[in-house]
Amino acid sequence: MQRMETMTGVILEINEKQILIRDEATNQEVVVHTCCVCNLAVGDRVHVLYSGRMTMSIPPQISAMRITRLNCRRS
C-alpha cells in the first residue's frame, strides 16, 4: 500500500497546471502540480493529498492527488 502525505497551506500564485503554496508546517514555498486549478484563488487555504514524494529543487515540488479548499479569501 502506498503511503500518502498531506500538506496544508495558503495559495500564493496560480498558473495553468500548478499552484504555489506556503506550507503551514514548514513555512516554505512549495509548487503543487495538479490537473485542475478550477475554483481556486490566491489567498485560499488548501489541504493537499500527495504521494509523499517531493523534489529537492528550490522551491520543492509535489504532485497533488487531491486538493481540498478549506476556506477562501473571496466573498
N, C-alpha and C. Protein backbone atom coordinates (compact mmCIF):
# COMPACT_ATOMS: atom_id res chain seq x y z
N MET A 1 0.84 -1.19 0.00
CA MET A 1 0.00 0.00 0.00
C MET A 1 0.88 1.25 0.00
N GLN A 2 0.54 2.19 -0.86
CA GLN A 2 1.31 3.42 -0.98
C GLN A 2 1.00 4.38 0.16
N ARG A 3 2.04 4.98 0.72
CA ARG A 3 1.89 5.94 1.81
C ARG A 3 1.47 7.29 1.25
N MET A 4 0.50 7.91 1.85
CA MET A 4 0.04 9.24 1.44
C MET A 4 0.45 10.26 2.49
N GLU A 5 0.73 11.45 2.02
CA GLU A 5 1.07 12.57 2.90
C GLU A 5 0.09 13.70 2.65
N THR A 6 0.01 14.61 3.59
CA THR A 6 -0.83 15.79 3.40
C THR A 6 -0.03 17.05 3.70
N MET A 7 -0.45 18.14 3.11
CA MET A 7 0.17 19.44 3.33
C MET A 7 -0.95 20.47 3.35
N THR A 8 -0.90 21.38 4.27
CA THR A 8 -1.87 22.46 4.34
C THR A 8 -1.14 23.78 4.18
N GLY A 9 -1.70 24.65 3.35
CA GLY A 9 -1.06 25.93 3.13
C GLY A 9 -1.97 26.92 2.44
N VAL A 10 -1.44 28.10 2.20
CA VAL A 10 -2.17 29.19 1.55
C VAL A 10 -1.61 29.37 0.14
N ILE A 11 -2.50 29.53 -0.83
CA ILE A 11 -2.09 29.71 -2.22
C ILE A 11 -1.48 31.10 -2.41
N LEU A 12 -0.27 31.13 -2.96
CA LEU A 12 0.42 32.39 -3.24
C LEU A 12 0.31 32.78 -4.71
N GLU A 13 0.34 31.78 -5.61
CA GLU A 13 0.26 32.01 -7.05
C GLU A 13 -0.48 30.85 -7.70
N ILE A 14 -1.11 31.13 -8.84
CA ILE A 14 -1.78 30.09 -9.62
C ILE A 14 -1.32 30.22 -11.06
N ASN A 15 -0.92 29.09 -11.65
CA ASN A 15 -0.57 29.00 -13.06
C ASN A 15 -1.46 27.96 -13.70
N GLU A 16 -1.23 27.68 -14.98
CA GLU A 16 -2.12 26.79 -15.74
C GLU A 16 -2.31 25.42 -15.11
N LYS A 17 -1.26 24.77 -14.68
CA LYS A 17 -1.37 23.42 -14.13
C LYS A 17 -0.64 23.27 -12.80
N GLN A 18 -0.46 24.38 -12.10
CA GLN A 18 0.22 24.30 -10.82
C GLN A 18 -0.14 25.50 -9.95
N ILE A 19 0.04 25.30 -8.66
CA ILE A 19 -0.13 26.38 -7.69
C ILE A 19 1.12 26.46 -6.83
N LEU A 20 1.37 27.62 -6.30
CA LEU A 20 2.46 27.81 -5.35
C LEU A 20 1.81 28.08 -4.00
N ILE A 21 2.16 27.26 -3.00
CA ILE A 21 1.58 27.45 -1.68
C ILE A 21 2.69 27.68 -0.65
N ARG A 22 2.31 28.28 0.47
CA ARG A 22 3.20 28.38 1.63
C ARG A 22 2.73 27.33 2.62
N ASP A 23 3.56 26.31 2.81
CA ASP A 23 3.25 25.20 3.72
C ASP A 23 3.19 25.72 5.16
N GLU A 24 2.09 25.47 5.84
CA GLU A 24 1.91 25.94 7.21
C GLU A 24 2.88 25.27 8.18
N ALA A 25 3.24 24.02 7.95
CA ALA A 25 4.09 23.28 8.87
C ALA A 25 5.54 23.73 8.83
N THR A 26 6.02 24.10 7.63
CA THR A 26 7.44 24.45 7.47
C THR A 26 7.68 25.90 7.09
N ASN A 27 6.63 26.60 6.71
CA ASN A 27 6.69 27.99 6.25
C ASN A 27 7.48 28.13 4.94
N GLN A 28 7.67 27.02 4.22
CA GLN A 28 8.38 27.11 2.94
C GLN A 28 7.39 27.12 1.78
N GLU A 29 7.82 27.69 0.67
CA GLU A 29 7.01 27.69 -0.54
C GLU A 29 7.18 26.36 -1.24
N VAL A 30 6.07 25.81 -1.77
CA VAL A 30 6.07 24.53 -2.46
C VAL A 30 5.22 24.66 -3.72
N VAL A 31 5.77 24.18 -4.85
CA VAL A 31 5.00 24.12 -6.10
C VAL A 31 4.18 22.84 -6.07
N VAL A 32 2.88 22.96 -6.31
CA VAL A 32 1.99 21.81 -6.33
C VAL A 32 1.47 21.64 -7.75
N HIS A 33 1.85 20.53 -8.40
CA HIS A 33 1.36 20.23 -9.74
C HIS A 33 -0.01 19.58 -9.62
N THR A 34 -0.93 20.01 -10.48
CA THR A 34 -2.30 19.49 -10.44
C THR A 34 -2.90 19.56 -11.84
N CYS A 35 -3.90 18.75 -12.10
CA CYS A 35 -4.53 18.78 -13.43
C CYS A 35 -5.60 19.86 -13.52
N CYS A 36 -6.03 20.41 -12.39
CA CYS A 36 -7.09 21.42 -12.42
C CYS A 36 -6.89 22.46 -11.33
N VAL A 37 -6.91 23.71 -11.71
CA VAL A 37 -6.84 24.80 -10.74
C VAL A 37 -8.20 25.51 -10.64
N CYS A 38 -9.22 24.86 -11.18
CA CYS A 38 -10.58 25.41 -11.16
C CYS A 38 -11.01 25.69 -9.73
N ASN A 39 -11.73 26.75 -9.55
CA ASN A 39 -12.31 27.13 -8.26
C ASN A 39 -11.28 27.42 -7.17
N LEU A 40 -10.02 27.64 -7.54
CA LEU A 40 -9.00 28.02 -6.58
C LEU A 40 -8.61 29.47 -6.84
N ALA A 41 -8.22 30.17 -5.77
CA ALA A 41 -7.82 31.57 -5.90
C ALA A 41 -6.67 31.86 -4.96
N VAL A 42 -5.87 32.84 -5.31
CA VAL A 42 -4.79 33.30 -4.43
C VAL A 42 -5.42 33.69 -3.09
N GLY A 43 -4.82 33.23 -2.01
CA GLY A 43 -5.35 33.51 -0.67
C GLY A 43 -6.16 32.37 -0.09
N ASP A 44 -6.59 31.42 -0.93
CA ASP A 44 -7.33 30.26 -0.42
C ASP A 44 -6.41 29.40 0.44
N ARG A 45 -6.94 28.86 1.51
CA ARG A 45 -6.22 27.89 2.34
C ARG A 45 -6.64 26.51 1.84
N VAL A 46 -5.66 25.65 1.52
CA VAL A 46 -5.95 24.35 0.93
C VAL A 46 -5.23 23.22 1.67
N HIS A 47 -5.80 22.03 1.52
CA HIS A 47 -5.25 20.80 2.05
C HIS A 47 -4.89 19.94 0.84
N VAL A 48 -3.64 19.52 0.72
CA VAL A 48 -3.16 18.79 -0.45
C VAL A 48 -2.81 17.36 -0.04
N LEU A 49 -3.37 16.38 -0.74
CA LEU A 49 -3.02 14.98 -0.58
C LEU A 49 -2.03 14.63 -1.69
N TYR A 50 -0.88 14.05 -1.33
CA TYR A 50 0.14 13.71 -2.32
C TYR A 50 0.86 12.44 -1.89
N SER A 51 1.70 11.91 -2.77
CA SER A 51 2.34 10.61 -2.55
C SER A 51 3.41 10.61 -1.47
N GLY A 52 3.86 11.75 -1.05
CA GLY A 52 4.95 11.82 -0.09
C GLY A 52 6.28 12.12 -0.77
N ARG A 53 6.29 12.04 -2.10
CA ARG A 53 7.50 12.37 -2.86
C ARG A 53 7.57 13.87 -3.11
N MET A 54 8.75 14.42 -2.87
CA MET A 54 8.96 15.85 -3.06
C MET A 54 10.34 16.04 -3.69
N THR A 55 10.42 16.89 -4.71
CA THR A 55 11.72 17.16 -5.33
C THR A 55 12.60 17.95 -4.38
N MET A 56 13.88 17.91 -4.63
CA MET A 56 14.83 18.68 -3.82
C MET A 56 15.15 20.02 -4.46
N SER A 57 14.32 20.42 -5.43
CA SER A 57 14.53 21.70 -6.11
C SER A 57 14.15 22.87 -5.20
N ILE A 58 14.43 24.07 -5.67
CA ILE A 58 14.04 25.27 -4.94
C ILE A 58 13.11 26.07 -5.84
N PRO A 59 11.84 26.23 -5.52
CA PRO A 59 11.18 25.61 -4.38
C PRO A 59 10.90 24.12 -4.65
N PRO A 60 10.70 23.33 -3.59
CA PRO A 60 10.37 21.93 -3.77
C PRO A 60 9.05 21.79 -4.53
N GLN A 61 8.85 20.62 -5.15
CA GLN A 61 7.64 20.38 -5.93
C GLN A 61 7.01 19.05 -5.55
N ILE A 62 5.68 19.02 -5.56
CA ILE A 62 4.93 17.80 -5.32
C ILE A 62 3.83 17.71 -6.38
N SER A 63 3.27 16.52 -6.55
CA SER A 63 2.13 16.33 -7.44
C SER A 63 0.92 15.96 -6.61
N ALA A 64 -0.12 16.76 -6.71
CA ALA A 64 -1.32 16.56 -5.90
C ALA A 64 -2.18 15.42 -6.43
N MET A 65 -2.68 14.61 -5.52
CA MET A 65 -3.68 13.62 -5.86
C MET A 65 -5.07 14.22 -5.65
N ARG A 66 -5.14 15.11 -4.65
CA ARG A 66 -6.39 15.83 -4.39
C ARG A 66 -6.06 17.13 -3.66
N ILE A 67 -6.79 18.18 -4.03
CA ILE A 67 -6.68 19.47 -3.34
C ILE A 67 -8.05 19.83 -2.82
N THR A 68 -8.14 20.08 -1.54
CA THR A 68 -9.40 20.47 -0.90
C THR A 68 -9.27 21.89 -0.39
N ARG A 69 -10.17 22.74 -0.81
CA ARG A 69 -10.17 24.13 -0.34
C ARG A 69 -10.79 24.15 1.06
N LEU A 70 -10.06 24.67 2.04
CA LEU A 70 -10.55 24.72 3.41
C LEU A 70 -11.34 26.00 3.68
N ASN A 71 -10.90 27.07 3.11
CA ASN A 71 -11.63 28.33 3.16
C ASN A 71 -11.14 29.18 2.01
N CYS A 72 -11.83 30.24 1.73
CA CYS A 72 -11.39 31.06 0.60
C CYS A 72 -11.39 32.53 0.98
N ARG A 73 -10.57 33.26 0.29
CA ARG A 73 -10.45 34.69 0.51
C ARG A 73 -11.61 35.44 -0.13
N ARG A 74 -12.14 34.87 -1.23
CA ARG A 74 -13.23 35.54 -1.96
C ARG A 74 -14.50 35.57 -1.12
N SER A 75 -15.30 36.59 -1.32
CA SER A 75 -16.58 36.71 -0.59
C SER A 75 -17.70 36.08 -1.37
